[in-house]
């Protein structure tokens, strides 16, 4: 087995036995364990050592030694064509041989865990690999080598996953970014990248990251959530879904607004399912996350500058080029800068039905953010002209929010109806009405219409979407 993947003409490195390695790295003598005394005056009890922690530290030391052996012994270029079964067998054989030399005995469960971790180190992302495979995890947040958090069901929790040290963490970061042609070091201490499965990756390394490298991974959902799924999860109601279907199908220009992690991209994906399959759609993103199911989709992704500071392709560059590619609709993953000018121009010049997301806390804040971004782009226009441009371009603002209990809701659907003097006039059609909290801090509330008839009702009728008047009547929905 070894002959297929081992390096030729190279003697085995001498492997220090675990006991010797541990002796070299042994910490200074520690003070005796603390003693706990009961208030009743009973005899003191010595706090027992955490056996599980000691076992994990021991396995971690063994894994580091075996990983060094694998890097020395395996012909990594030959492994590119190796099957998973062959590679697992090779790693298992080398590990068994090394453990025998080290006089280390492991039970079956420990050996299987060790082999899996070694496999993850060689072909995967080391300690992060099990978290990436866990479908219940939405985000992975690494604060230095010894602290890894995950988000499950909208709540952050600390895991027992750790890296050996900062070098180990940096090696995993370098493995990710080098695979996509990026680099990260002291001269370029932060990086955005995309994992092989589409997950969004961001890292910042020392000296900018003070207490160890910071890593954030927003996991890519393999299964796109449909509108029916979101209704079932309580993100919005069937009445709101019917209204949104009419809005998308009749080519209203829509902005999905919300904070970080509020579900903007998920909402945008769901809304895109209402687009007719015969339309040509162009998507523009910094990191490709949209999962459109239509046949005619052109996807574009911006590119950062290279080492010399050249070769950058911004979202604005992509957007300008997209206008020359005969799109029916343009979808921008997130508008955050000067590309807002081209986005509004596209909405105003025949590309009806375009959509984008924006960071804002309410519909009114979203309009203010658009005004600020236009100002940041360096274009000097009277405020009335700016607002007139926004009012004629944007038809609908969908506000998504992550509430304090971790749940995600579409808390507001607001229409932009035009200008009244120097002010953009807006009307809220649907909202999420909060009622209170349960004893375990779960939010109680319900969705309701505001009683305002849609400004676009006639447009809906002309396109064949004659929504019943009852949709816009206030109702006391199921509290959840």
Protein backbone atom coordinates (compact mmCIF):
# COMPACT_ATOMS: atom_id res chain seq x y z
CA UNK A 1 0.00 0.00 0.00
CA UNK A 2 2.78 2.43 0.97
CA UNK A 3 4.52 2.16 -2.40
CA UNK A 4 1.66 3.84 -4.25
CA UNK A 5 1.58 7.12 -2.37
CA UNK A 6 4.82 7.33 -0.38
CA UNK A 7 7.63 9.59 -1.46
CA UNK A 8 10.48 7.71 -3.05
CA UNK A 9 14.12 7.85 -2.02
CA UNK A 10 13.43 9.35 1.35
CA UNK A 11 14.16 7.75 4.68
CA UNK A 12 11.63 7.90 7.42
CA UNK A 13 12.06 10.78 9.84
CA UNK A 14 12.91 9.73 13.32
CA UNK A 15 9.80 10.01 15.40
CA UNK A 16 10.13 11.09 18.97
CA UNK A 17 8.09 8.96 21.30
CA UNK A 18 5.13 10.63 22.90
CA UNK A 19 6.60 10.39 26.37
CA UNK A 20 9.81 12.19 25.24
CA UNK A 21 7.82 14.82 23.31
CA UNK A 22 5.59 15.38 26.30
CA UNK A 23 8.63 15.69 28.58
CA UNK A 24 10.13 18.39 26.34
CA UNK A 25 6.88 20.30 26.24
CA UNK A 26 5.98 19.63 29.88
CA UNK A 27 4.82 22.71 31.74
CA UNK A 28 6.43 23.86 34.94
CA UNK A 29 5.35 22.05 38.07
CA UNK A 30 1.90 23.17 39.03
CA UNK A 31 0.56 23.89 42.47
CA UNK A 32 -1.48 21.15 44.08
CA UNK A 33 -5.09 20.99 43.00
CA UNK A 34 -7.46 23.34 44.74
CA UNK A 35 -9.38 22.00 47.70
CA UNK A 36 -13.09 22.49 48.10
CA UNK A 37 -14.48 22.73 51.63
CA UNK A 38 -18.12 22.27 52.46
CA UNK A 39 -19.87 24.89 54.51
CA UNK A 40 -20.88 22.22 57.05
CA UNK A 41 -17.27 21.64 57.99
CA UNK A 42 -17.05 18.13 56.54
CA UNK A 43 -13.63 16.88 55.39
CA UNK A 44 -12.20 18.55 52.28
CA UNK A 45 -12.44 16.84 48.90
CA UNK A 46 -9.85 17.12 46.12
CA UNK A 47 -11.36 18.32 42.85
CA UNK A 48 -10.95 15.41 40.41
CA UNK A 49 -8.93 15.96 37.27
CA UNK A 50 -10.92 16.29 34.08
CA UNK A 51 -10.16 12.93 32.48
CA UNK A 52 -11.94 13.83 29.26
CA UNK A 53 -9.81 16.95 28.86
CA UNK A 54 -6.60 15.00 29.53
CA UNK A 55 -7.61 12.38 26.98
CA UNK A 56 -8.34 15.04 24.35
CA UNK A 57 -4.97 16.73 24.99
CA UNK A 58 -3.20 13.39 24.65
CA UNK A 59 -4.97 12.59 21.39
CA UNK A 60 -4.18 16.09 20.13
CA UNK A 61 -0.45 15.58 20.77
CA UNK A 62 -0.55 12.22 19.00
CA UNK A 63 -2.42 13.74 16.06
CA UNK A 64 0.19 16.50 15.64
CA UNK A 65 3.01 13.95 15.54
CA UNK A 66 1.15 11.73 13.10
CA UNK A 67 0.28 14.65 10.86
CA UNK A 68 3.98 15.52 10.62
CA UNK A 69 4.66 11.91 9.65
CA UNK A 70 1.94 12.03 6.97
CA UNK A 71 3.31 15.25 5.47
CA UNK A 72 6.76 13.71 5.33
CA UNK A 73 5.70 10.31 4.00
CA UNK A 74 2.83 11.00 1.62
CA UNK A 75 3.37 12.07 -1.97
CA UNK A 76 0.75 14.83 -1.97
CA UNK A 77 0.80 15.33 -5.74
CA UNK A 78 -0.03 11.65 -6.27
CA UNK A 79 -2.91 11.90 -3.83
CA UNK A 80 -4.82 14.21 -6.20
CA UNK A 81 -5.81 11.19 -8.26
CA UNK A 82 -6.26 8.81 -5.33
CA UNK A 83 -9.72 7.58 -4.39
CA UNK A 84 -11.10 8.32 -0.93
CA UNK A 85 -10.97 4.63 0.04
CA UNK A 86 -7.30 4.31 -0.97
CA UNK A 87 -6.34 7.47 0.83
CA UNK A 88 -8.15 6.45 4.02
CA UNK A 89 -6.44 3.04 3.90
CA UNK A 90 -3.04 4.69 3.40
CA UNK A 91 -3.54 7.10 6.29
CA UNK A 92 -4.76 4.29 8.54
CA UNK A 93 -1.70 2.17 7.70
CA UNK A 94 0.79 4.98 8.33
CA UNK A 95 -0.97 5.90 11.58
CA UNK A 96 -0.94 2.28 12.79
CA UNK A 97 2.78 1.98 12.07
CA UNK A 98 3.56 5.26 13.83
CA UNK A 99 1.47 4.37 16.89
CA UNK A 100 3.33 1.08 17.18
CA UNK A 101 6.68 2.91 17.07
CA UNK A 102 5.44 5.33 19.71
CA UNK A 103 4.21 2.47 21.91
CA UNK A 104 0.81 4.13 22.10
CA UNK A 105 -2.28 1.97 22.51
CA UNK A 106 -5.68 3.34 21.54
CA UNK A 107 -9.07 1.71 21.69
CA UNK A 108 -11.13 1.21 18.55
CA UNK A 109 -13.16 4.39 19.00
CA UNK A 110 -10.08 6.57 19.60
CA UNK A 111 -8.30 5.05 16.61
CA UNK A 112 -11.31 5.67 14.33
CA UNK A 113 -11.56 9.27 15.57
CA UNK A 114 -7.84 9.79 15.06
CA UNK A 115 -7.91 8.40 11.51
CA UNK A 116 -10.88 10.62 10.63
CA UNK A 117 -9.15 13.72 12.02
CA UNK A 118 -5.96 12.89 10.11
CA UNK A 119 -7.97 12.46 6.92
CA UNK A 120 -9.61 15.85 7.53
CA UNK A 121 -6.16 17.40 8.06
CA UNK A 122 -4.82 16.03 4.78
CA UNK A 123 -7.76 16.64 2.42
CA UNK A 124 -10.17 18.83 4.43
CA UNK A 125 -10.09 21.73 6.83
CA UNK A 126 -8.97 19.92 9.94
CA UNK A 127 -11.05 20.60 13.09
CA UNK A 128 -13.56 22.64 11.07
CA UNK A 129 -14.54 19.70 8.87
CA UNK A 130 -17.12 18.12 11.26
CA UNK A 131 -18.78 21.53 11.74
CA UNK A 132 -18.99 22.05 7.98
CA UNK A 133 -20.69 18.67 7.64
CA UNK A 134 -23.18 19.41 10.45
CA UNK A 135 -26.40 20.57 8.76
CA UNK A 136 -27.66 22.19 11.97
CA UNK A 137 -24.80 24.72 11.94
CA UNK A 138 -25.39 27.97 10.04
CA UNK A 139 -22.27 29.94 10.94
CA UNK A 140 -18.81 29.00 12.21
CA UNK A 141 -16.94 31.72 14.12
CA UNK A 142 -13.31 31.17 15.19
CA UNK A 143 -11.78 33.55 17.76
CA UNK A 144 -8.20 32.34 17.89
CA UNK A 145 -7.06 28.72 18.04
CA UNK A 146 -8.83 27.76 21.27
CA UNK A 147 -12.31 29.25 20.85
CA UNK A 148 -14.78 28.17 18.15
CA UNK A 149 -18.42 29.24 18.20
CA UNK A 150 -21.27 28.07 15.98
CA UNK A 151 -24.75 29.39 15.33
CA UNK A 152 -27.65 26.97 15.61
CA UNK A 153 -31.27 28.09 15.30
CA UNK A 154 -30.24 31.73 15.53
CA UNK A 155 -28.29 31.25 18.78
CA UNK A 156 -24.51 31.25 19.29
CA UNK A 157 -22.92 28.45 21.30
CA UNK A 158 -19.35 27.56 22.21
CA UNK A 159 -18.06 24.22 20.89
CA UNK A 160 -15.31 21.96 22.20
CA UNK A 161 -13.53 22.22 18.82
CA UNK A 162 -10.01 23.67 19.09
CA UNK A 163 -6.83 23.99 17.06
CA UNK A 164 -3.46 22.88 18.37
CA UNK A 165 -2.05 26.42 18.21
CA UNK A 166 -2.03 29.56 16.06
CA UNK A 167 0.24 27.92 13.47
CA UNK A 168 -2.29 25.12 13.02
CA UNK A 169 -5.10 27.66 12.49
CA UNK A 170 -2.99 29.69 10.03
CA UNK A 171 -2.21 26.54 8.06
CA UNK A 172 -5.93 25.82 7.62
CA UNK A 173 -6.60 29.46 6.60
CA UNK A 174 -3.77 29.35 4.06
CA UNK A 175 -5.11 26.08 2.69
CA UNK A 176 -8.51 27.69 2.04
CA UNK A 177 -7.32 30.94 0.48
CA UNK A 178 -4.57 29.41 -1.67
CA UNK A 179 -7.14 27.07 -3.24
CA UNK A 180 -8.98 30.08 -4.70
CA UNK A 181 -5.89 32.06 -5.69
CA UNK A 182 -5.91 34.46 -2.74
CA UNK A 183 -3.32 35.11 -0.07
CA UNK A 184 -3.30 36.35 3.50
CA UNK A 185 -0.26 37.47 5.53
CA UNK A 186 1.00 40.46 7.52
CA UNK A 187 1.00 42.71 4.45
CA UNK A 188 -2.52 41.60 3.47
CA UNK A 189 -4.08 40.61 6.81
CA UNK A 190 -7.69 40.00 5.75
CA UNK A 191 -9.31 38.02 2.96
CA UNK A 192 -12.69 37.02 1.53
CA UNK A 193 -13.00 33.67 -0.22
CA UNK A 194 -15.47 30.96 -1.09
CA UNK A 195 -15.16 27.32 -0.04
CA UNK A 196 -15.60 24.48 -2.50
CA UNK A 197 -19.23 23.98 -1.40
CA UNK A 198 -20.05 27.67 -1.88
CA UNK A 199 -19.80 28.73 1.78
CA UNK A 200 -18.65 32.31 2.38
CA UNK A 201 -15.28 32.57 4.16
CA UNK A 202 -13.66 35.59 5.81
CA UNK A 203 -10.42 35.66 7.80
CA UNK A 204 -8.28 38.26 9.54
CA UNK A 205 -4.84 37.34 10.86
CA UNK A 206 -2.33 38.92 13.30
CA UNK A 207 -1.15 41.60 13.85
CA UNK A 208 -4.58 43.05 13.03
CA UNK A 209 -6.30 40.20 14.91
CA UNK A 210 -4.87 40.74 18.40
CA UNK A 211 -5.65 37.46 20.19
CA UNK A 212 -5.24 35.07 17.28
CA UNK A 213 -6.70 34.73 13.80
CA UNK A 214 -10.40 35.45 13.35
CA UNK A 215 -12.39 33.29 10.94
CA UNK A 216 -16.05 33.58 9.93
CA UNK A 217 -17.77 31.01 7.72
CA UNK A 218 -21.34 31.53 6.52
CA UNK A 219 -22.37 28.05 5.43
CA UNK A 220 -23.93 27.54 2.02
CA UNK A 221 -27.33 25.91 2.15
CA UNK A 222 -27.34 22.90 -0.15
CA UNK A 223 -31.12 22.84 -0.22
CA UNK A 224 -32.69 26.15 -1.16
CA UNK A 225 -35.59 27.13 1.08
CA UNK A 226 -38.74 27.60 -0.97
CA UNK A 227 -41.53 30.06 -0.24
CA UNK A 228 -43.62 27.16 1.14
CA UNK A 229 -40.77 26.29 3.53
CA UNK A 230 -40.53 29.88 4.79
CA UNK A 231 -44.30 30.04 5.29
CA UNK A 232 -44.17 26.76 7.19
CA UNK A 233 -41.31 28.06 9.39
CA UNK A 234 -43.33 31.19 10.19
CA UNK A 235 -41.13 33.72 8.33
CA UNK A 236 -44.28 35.18 6.71
CA UNK A 237 -47.88 34.17 5.87
CA UNK A 238 -49.56 32.74 2.79
CA UNK A 239 -51.29 36.09 2.19
CA UNK A 240 -47.93 37.86 2.19
CA UNK A 241 -46.56 35.17 -0.15
CA UNK A 242 -49.46 35.73 -2.58
CA UNK A 243 -48.80 39.47 -2.53
CA UNK A 244 -45.04 38.98 -3.10
CA UNK A 245 -45.71 36.57 -5.96
CA UNK A 246 -47.83 39.23 -7.66
CA UNK A 247 -45.15 41.88 -7.00
CA UNK A 248 -42.33 39.80 -8.51
CA UNK A 249 -44.35 38.49 -11.44
CA UNK A 250 -45.53 42.01 -12.39
CA UNK A 251 -41.91 43.19 -12.38
CA UNK A 252 -41.86 45.57 -9.45
CA UNK A 253 -38.37 46.67 -8.40
CA UNK A 254 -37.74 45.22 -4.94
CA UNK A 255 -35.19 45.90 -2.20
CA UNK A 256 -34.77 43.35 0.59
CA UNK A 257 -33.58 45.22 3.68
CA UNK A 258 -32.28 43.88 6.97
CA UNK A 259 -29.37 43.47 9.34
CA UNK A 260 -26.54 40.95 9.24
CA UNK A 261 -27.85 37.39 9.48
CA UNK A 262 -31.48 38.45 9.16
CA UNK A 263 -32.11 36.23 6.14
CA UNK A 264 -31.86 38.77 3.29
CA UNK A 265 -30.22 36.36 0.83
CA UNK A 266 -32.63 33.57 1.77
CA UNK A 267 -35.55 35.94 1.16
CA UNK A 268 -34.08 37.06 -2.16
CA UNK A 269 -33.67 33.44 -3.23
CA UNK A 270 -37.29 32.72 -2.32
CA UNK A 271 -38.57 35.78 -4.21
CA UNK A 272 -36.59 34.80 -7.31
CA UNK A 273 -38.63 31.58 -7.53
CA UNK A 274 -41.57 33.70 -8.75
CA UNK A 275 -39.64 34.87 -11.84
CA UNK A 276 -40.83 33.33 -15.09
CA UNK A 277 -38.50 30.71 -16.54
CA UNK A 278 -38.45 32.45 -19.93
CA UNK A 279 -36.67 35.57 -18.61
CA UNK A 280 -32.94 36.23 -18.83
CA UNK A 281 -31.53 36.96 -15.37
CA UNK A 282 -28.07 38.30 -14.52
CA UNK A 283 -26.81 38.07 -10.93
CA UNK A 284 -23.94 40.16 -9.54
CA UNK A 285 -22.38 39.36 -6.16
CA UNK A 286 -19.20 39.83 -4.15
CA UNK A 287 -19.45 36.19 -3.07
CA UNK A 288 -21.76 33.99 -5.13
CA UNK A 289 -24.58 32.80 -2.84
CA UNK A 290 -27.78 33.12 -4.85
CA UNK A 291 -29.31 29.84 -5.99
CA UNK A 292 -31.64 30.66 -8.85
CA UNK A 293 -33.52 27.74 -10.42
CA UNK A 294 -34.40 29.40 -13.74
CA UNK A 295 -32.92 28.15 -17.02
CA UNK A 296 -31.46 31.41 -18.31
CA UNK A 297 -29.20 32.74 -15.53
CA UNK A 298 -25.83 34.46 -15.92
CA UNK A 299 -23.82 34.65 -12.70
CA UNK A 300 -21.05 37.20 -12.07
CA UNK A 301 -18.73 37.61 -9.10
CA UNK A 302 -16.53 40.60 -8.30
CA UNK A 303 -12.78 40.18 -7.83
CA UNK A 304 -10.41 41.92 -5.40
CA UNK A 305 -7.08 43.45 -6.56
CA UNK A 306 -3.99 41.28 -6.83
CA UNK A 307 -0.72 41.66 -4.90
CA UNK A 308 0.24 44.72 -6.98
CA UNK A 309 -3.14 46.32 -6.32
CA UNK A 310 -4.33 45.79 -9.87
CA UNK A 311 -6.90 43.63 -11.62
CA UNK A 312 -9.85 44.46 -9.36
CA UNK A 313 -13.32 43.96 -10.85
CA UNK A 314 -15.96 45.69 -8.74
CA UNK A 315 -19.70 45.09 -8.57
CA UNK A 316 -20.11 48.39 -10.40
CA UNK A 317 -17.93 47.11 -13.26
CA UNK A 318 -20.05 43.97 -13.48
CA UNK A 319 -23.26 45.97 -13.32
CA UNK A 320 -22.21 48.31 -16.10
CA UNK A 321 -21.27 45.38 -18.28
CA UNK A 322 -24.52 43.56 -17.42
CA UNK A 323 -26.51 46.43 -18.94
CA UNK A 324 -24.96 45.53 -22.31
CA UNK A 325 -25.90 41.85 -22.03
CA UNK A 326 -29.64 42.16 -22.74
CA UNK A 327 -30.94 41.22 -19.27
CA UNK A 328 -34.63 41.05 -18.44
CA UNK A 329 -33.81 41.34 -14.77
CA UNK A 330 -30.68 42.23 -12.82
CA UNK A 331 -30.22 40.89 -9.29
CA UNK A 332 -27.42 42.40 -7.20
CA UNK A 333 -26.55 40.28 -4.16
CA UNK A 334 -25.88 43.31 -1.96
CA UNK A 335 -25.69 47.02 -2.74
CA UNK A 336 -23.24 48.75 -0.40
CA UNK A 337 -21.37 51.38 -2.42
CA UNK A 338 -21.15 53.38 -5.60
CA UNK A 339 -22.84 50.61 -7.63
CA UNK A 340 -26.11 52.01 -6.25
CA UNK A 341 -26.06 54.62 -9.05
CA UNK A 342 -25.99 51.98 -11.78
CA UNK A 343 -28.56 49.86 -9.94
CA UNK A 344 -31.04 52.74 -9.78
CA UNK A 345 -30.33 53.61 -13.42
CA UNK A 346 -31.04 50.02 -14.43
CA UNK A 347 -34.34 50.06 -12.51
CA UNK A 348 -35.26 53.33 -14.22
CA UNK A 349 -34.28 52.38 -17.76
CA UNK A 350 -36.29 49.34 -18.70
CA UNK A 351 -34.94 46.61 -16.41
CA UNK A 352 -38.11 46.35 -14.35
CA UNK A 353 -38.24 43.55 -11.83
CA UNK A 354 -34.66 44.04 -10.64
CA UNK A 355 -33.84 43.15 -7.04
CA UNK A 356 -31.09 43.74 -4.52
CA UNK A 357 -30.42 43.64 -0.76
CA UNK A 358 -29.26 46.43 1.52
CA UNK A 359 -28.25 46.72 5.18
CA UNK A 360 -30.86 48.77 7.05
CA UNK A 361 -33.12 48.48 10.10
CA UNK A 362 -36.36 49.69 8.51
CA UNK A 363 -37.83 50.70 5.17
CA UNK A 364 -37.27 54.40 5.92
CA UNK A 365 -33.65 53.64 6.93
CA UNK A 366 -33.18 51.77 3.64
CA UNK A 367 -34.15 54.89 1.68
CA UNK A 368 -31.75 56.98 3.79
CA UNK A 369 -28.99 54.45 3.11
CA UNK A 370 -29.61 54.76 -0.62
CA UNK A 371 -29.31 58.53 -0.34
CA UNK A 372 -26.06 58.20 1.63
CA UNK A 373 -24.55 55.78 -0.88
CA UNK A 374 -25.34 58.14 -3.74
CA UNK A 375 -23.56 60.90 -1.81
CA UNK A 376 -20.60 58.58 -1.11
CA UNK A 377 -20.30 57.89 -4.84
CA UNK A 378 -19.27 61.52 -5.26
CA UNK A 379 -22.22 62.59 -7.39
CA UNK A 380 -23.44 66.06 -6.46
CA UNK A 381 -27.20 66.20 -6.91
CA UNK A 382 -29.89 68.17 -5.11
CA UNK A 383 -31.52 66.06 -2.42
CA UNK A 384 -34.90 66.39 -4.13
CA UNK A 385 -33.45 64.98 -7.37
CA UNK A 386 -31.85 62.08 -5.48
CA UNK A 387 -35.12 61.22 -3.74
CA UNK A 388 -37.06 61.55 -6.98
CA UNK A 389 -34.65 59.08 -8.59
CA UNK A 390 -35.13 56.61 -5.72
CA UNK A 391 -38.93 57.02 -5.67
CA UNK A 392 -39.23 56.31 -9.40
CA UNK A 393 -36.80 53.36 -9.30
CA UNK A 394 -37.80 51.42 -6.16
CA UNK A 395 -41.34 50.08 -5.79
CA UNK A 396 -41.18 47.77 -2.79
CA UNK A 397 -39.05 47.35 0.35
CA UNK A 398 -39.21 44.00 2.16
CA UNK A 399 -37.82 44.24 5.70
CA UNK A 400 -36.30 41.05 7.15
CA UNK A 401 -35.22 40.86 10.78
CA UNK A 402 -33.66 38.43 13.22
CA UNK A 403 -35.53 38.86 16.49
CA UNK A 404 -34.07 38.59 19.98
CA UNK A 405 -35.06 34.91 20.34
CA UNK A 406 -33.11 34.04 17.15
CA UNK A 407 -36.17 33.66 14.93
CA UNK A 408 -36.21 35.34 11.51
CA UNK A 409 -39.31 37.16 10.35
CA UNK A 410 -40.38 39.34 7.45
CA UNK A 411 -41.40 42.16 9.78
CA UNK A 412 -42.61 44.65 7.16
CA UNK A 413 -43.59 45.02 3.49
CA UNK A 414 -43.63 48.67 2.44
CA UNK A 415 -44.55 50.26 -0.90
CA UNK A 416 -42.99 53.47 -2.22
CA UNK A 417 -45.81 55.45 -3.78
CA UNK A 418 -44.04 58.58 -5.06
CA UNK A 419 -43.06 62.04 -3.79
CA UNK A 420 -44.87 64.50 -1.58
CA UNK A 421 -42.90 67.72 -1.84
CA UNK A 422 -39.32 66.84 -0.93
CA UNK A 423 -40.26 63.63 0.94
CA UNK A 424 -40.60 60.11 -0.42
CA UNK A 425 -44.09 58.84 0.40
CA UNK A 426 -44.39 55.25 1.64
CA UNK A 427 -47.14 52.99 2.89
CA UNK A 428 -46.82 49.79 4.92
CA UNK A 429 -48.98 46.95 3.61
CA UNK A 430 -48.05 44.10 5.99
CA UNK A 431 -46.27 43.99 9.32
CA UNK A 432 -45.31 41.61 12.13
CA UNK A 433 -47.11 42.64 15.32
CA UNK A 434 -45.28 41.70 18.52
CA UNK A 435 -47.48 40.93 21.51
CA UNK A 436 -45.14 39.78 24.26
CA UNK A 437 -42.65 37.17 25.49
CA UNK A 438 -43.07 33.66 26.84
CA UNK A 439 -41.32 32.73 30.12
CA UNK A 440 -38.49 31.16 28.09
CA UNK A 441 -37.99 34.43 26.11
CA UNK A 442 -39.72 33.31 22.92
CA UNK A 443 -41.42 36.17 21.11
CA UNK A 444 -45.21 36.03 20.79
CA UNK A 445 -46.71 37.84 17.83
CA UNK A 446 -48.61 37.58 14.58
CA UNK A 447 -48.57 38.91 11.02
CA UNK A 448 -51.27 41.33 9.96
CA UNK A 449 -52.21 43.56 7.08
CA UNK A 450 -52.38 47.27 7.87
CA UNK A 451 -55.70 47.84 6.09
CA UNK A 452 -54.07 49.91 3.33
CA UNK A 453 -54.94 48.78 -0.18
CA UNK A 454 -51.93 48.16 -2.41
CA UNK A 455 -50.84 51.10 -4.56
CA UNK A 456 -50.16 48.58 -7.34
CA UNK A 457 -53.57 46.84 -7.30
CA UNK A 458 -54.43 48.04 -10.80
CA UNK A 459 -51.05 46.86 -12.09
CA UNK A 460 -51.67 43.44 -10.53
CA UNK A 461 -55.06 43.22 -12.27
CA UNK A 462 -53.58 44.15 -15.66
CA UNK A 463 -51.05 41.31 -15.31
CA UNK A 464 -53.71 38.79 -14.25
CA UNK A 465 -53.11 38.86 -10.49
CA UNK A 466 -56.43 40.02 -9.08
CA UNK A 467 -55.74 39.76 -5.35
CA UNK A 468 -58.87 39.61 -3.15
CA UNK A 469 -59.52 42.70 -1.02
CA UNK A 470 -59.52 40.49 2.09
CA UNK A 471 -55.72 40.11 1.82
CA UNK A 472 -55.32 43.76 2.79
CA UNK A 473 -57.72 43.69 5.73
CA UNK A 474 -56.24 43.62 9.24
CA UNK A 475 -56.52 40.26 10.92
CA UNK A 476 -55.53 38.65 14.17
CA UNK A 477 -53.44 35.78 12.94
CA UNK A 478 -52.11 32.83 14.84
CA UNK A 479 -49.75 34.08 17.53
CA UNK A 480 -46.28 32.60 17.21
